[in-house]
Amino acid sequence: MITLKKLWTLRAVTIYLSDNQELSDWMRKEINSTLCKRYKLTHLAEDMNVNYAKLYRFMRGKNVGTELYDSFFRVYLKRWNS
């Protein structure tokens, strides 16, 4: 279980992971659930302010830096709070 808190508004998000699930698996599932015919991976990369190739590698299970995780949660919390 991972809990994220937005300190300036005191909101929290709790992410429940199964025993064999990793945070990156959950992130991929969330990303895939937001993508559609009009909102593609390239649009998400722009919103996250990361390189498309880096996000593409992450979606294929390759190693990426921590800035992708930071960018993902920044966008995720922004959408969750709106």
C-alpha atoms as a PDB file:
ATOM      1  CA  MET A   1       0.000   0.000   0.000  1.00  0.00           C
ATOM      2  CA  ILE A   2       1.323   3.403  -0.986  1.00  0.00           C
ATOM      3  CA  THR A   3      -0.237   6.601   0.275  1.00  0.00           C
ATOM      4  CA  LEU A   4       0.352   9.903  -1.479  1.00  0.00           C
ATOM      5  CA  LYS A   5      -0.419  13.155   0.263  1.00  0.00           C
ATOM      6  CA  LYS A   6      -0.773  16.567  -1.234  1.00  0.00           C
ATOM      7  CA  LEU A   7       0.435  18.640   1.687  1.00  0.00           C
ATOM      8  CA  TRP A   8      -0.941  22.032   0.770  1.00  0.00           C
ATOM      9  CA  THR A   9      -4.533  20.753   0.511  1.00  0.00           C
ATOM     10  CA  LEU A  10      -4.189  17.665   2.714  1.00  0.00           C
ATOM     11  CA  ARG A  11      -5.634  15.207   0.217  1.00  0.00           C
ATOM     12  CA  ALA A  12      -4.436  11.638   0.167  1.00  0.00           C
ATOM     13  CA  VAL A  13      -4.507   8.877  -2.417  1.00  0.00           C
ATOM     14  CA  THR A  14      -4.136   5.285  -1.337  1.00  0.00           C
ATOM     15  CA  ILE A  15      -2.971   2.763  -3.895  1.00  0.00           C
ATOM     16  CA  TYR A  16      -3.648  -0.876  -3.102  1.00  0.00           C
ATOM     17  CA  LEU A  17      -1.295  -3.336  -4.750  1.00  0.00           C
ATOM     18  CA  SER A  18      -1.683  -7.086  -4.732  1.00  0.00           C
ATOM     19  CA  ASP A  19       1.147  -9.198  -3.342  1.00  0.00           C
ATOM     20  CA  ASN A  20       2.774  -9.773  -6.711  1.00  0.00           C
ATOM     21  CA  GLN A  21       2.016  -6.347  -8.227  1.00  0.00           C
ATOM     22  CA  GLU A  22       4.564  -3.542  -8.437  1.00  0.00           C
ATOM     23  CA  LEU A  23       3.998   0.194  -8.550  1.00  0.00           C
ATOM     24  CA  SER A  24       5.108   0.347 -12.183  1.00  0.00           C
ATOM     25  CA  ASP A  25       2.481  -2.285 -13.110  1.00  0.00           C
ATOM     26  CA  TRP A  26      -0.205  -0.165 -11.465  1.00  0.00           C
ATOM     27  CA  MET A  27       1.055   2.933 -13.277  1.00  0.00           C
ATOM     28  CA  ARG A  28       0.929   1.157 -16.638  1.00  0.00           C
ATOM     29  CA  LYS A  29      -2.644   0.059 -15.931  1.00  0.00           C
ATOM     30  CA  GLU A  30      -3.643   3.615 -15.028  1.00  0.00           C
ATOM     31  CA  ILE A  31      -1.950   5.029 -18.113  1.00  0.00           C
ATOM     32  CA  ASN A  32      -3.648   2.483 -20.378  1.00  0.00           C
ATOM     33  CA  SER A  33      -7.020   3.324 -18.832  1.00  0.00           C
ATOM     34  CA  THR A  34      -6.597   7.018 -19.740  1.00  0.00           C
ATOM     35  CA  LEU A  35      -5.530   6.417 -23.329  1.00  0.00           C
ATOM     36  CA  CYS A  36      -8.115   6.364 -26.086  1.00  0.00           C
ATOM     37  CA  LYS A  37      -8.434   7.027 -29.790  1.00  0.00           C
ATOM     38  CA  ARG A  38      -8.087  10.790 -29.317  1.00  0.00           C
ATOM     39  CA  TYR A  39      -5.785  10.937 -26.268  1.00  0.00           C
ATOM     40  CA  LYS A  40      -2.673   8.977 -27.142  1.00  0.00           C
ATOM     41  CA  LEU A  41       0.615   8.237 -25.435  1.00  0.00           C
ATOM     42  CA  THR A  42       2.233  11.196 -27.141  1.00  0.00           C
ATOM     43  CA  HIS A  43      -0.352  13.560 -25.623  1.00  0.00           C
ATOM     44  CA  LEU A  44       0.281  12.112 -22.174  1.00  0.00           C
ATOM     45  CA  ALA A  45       4.029  12.539 -22.652  1.00  0.00           C
ATOM     46  CA  GLU A  46       3.422  16.223 -23.419  1.00  0.00           C
ATOM     47  CA  ASP A  47       1.193  16.607 -20.350  1.00  0.00           C
ATOM     48  CA  MET A  48       3.808  14.896 -18.181  1.00  0.00           C
ATOM     49  CA  ASN A  49       6.567  16.997 -19.767  1.00  0.00           C
ATOM     50  CA  VAL A  50       8.689  13.924 -20.517  1.00  0.00           C
ATOM     51  CA  ASN A  51      10.185  12.585 -23.711  1.00  0.00           C
ATOM     52  CA  TYR A  52       7.807  10.332 -25.656  1.00  0.00           C
ATOM     53  CA  ALA A  53      10.546   7.718 -26.109  1.00  0.00           C
ATOM     54  CA  LYS A  54      11.052   7.511 -22.341  1.00  0.00           C
ATOM     55  CA  LEU A  55       7.338   7.012 -21.708  1.00  0.00           C
ATOM     56  CA  TYR A  56       7.189   4.448 -24.516  1.00  0.00           C
ATOM     57  CA  ARG A  57      10.089   2.509 -22.960  1.00  0.00           C
ATOM     58  CA  PHE A  58       8.337   2.584 -19.580  1.00  0.00           C
ATOM     59  CA  MET A  59       5.134   1.221 -21.110  1.00  0.00           C
ATOM     60  CA  ARG A  60       7.140  -1.653 -22.606  1.00  0.00           C
ATOM     61  CA  GLY A  61       8.608  -2.575 -19.199  1.00  0.00           C
ATOM     62  CA  LYS A  62      12.053  -1.040 -19.660  1.00  0.00           C
ATOM     63  CA  ASN A  63      13.947   0.846 -16.955  1.00  0.00           C
ATOM     64  CA  VAL A  64      13.456   4.604 -16.785  1.00  0.00           C
ATOM     65  CA  GLY A  65      14.555   7.319 -14.391  1.00  0.00           C
ATOM     66  CA  THR A  66      12.676   8.568 -11.369  1.00  0.00           C
ATOM     67  CA  GLU A  67      11.629  11.786 -13.104  1.00  0.00           C
ATOM     68  CA  LEU A  68       9.035   9.804 -15.048  1.00  0.00           C
ATOM     69  CA  TYR A  69       7.478   8.607 -11.789  1.00  0.00           C
ATOM     70  CA  ASP A  70       7.467  12.160 -10.423  1.00  0.00           C
ATOM     71  CA  SER A  71       5.868  13.498 -13.595  1.00  0.00           C
ATOM     72  CA  PHE A  72       3.266  10.736 -13.638  1.00  0.00           C
ATOM     73  CA  PHE A  73       2.110  11.418 -10.098  1.00  0.00           C
ATOM     74  CA  ARG A  74       2.074  15.171 -10.676  1.00  0.00           C
ATOM     75  CA  VAL A  75      -0.323  14.677 -13.611  1.00  0.00           C
ATOM     76  CA  TYR A  76      -2.261  11.893 -11.857  1.00  0.00           C
ATOM     77  CA  LEU A  77      -2.916  13.984  -8.744  1.00  0.00           C
ATOM     78  CA  LYS A  78      -3.826  16.999 -10.844  1.00  0.00           C
ATOM     79  CA  ARG A  79      -6.472  14.974 -12.703  1.00  0.00           C
ATOM     80  CA  TRP A  80      -7.634  13.224  -9.533  1.00  0.00           C
ATOM     81  CA  ASN A  81      -8.154  16.524  -7.721  1.00  0.00           C
ATOM     82  CA  SER A  82     -10.034  18.215 -10.552  1.00  0.00           C
END
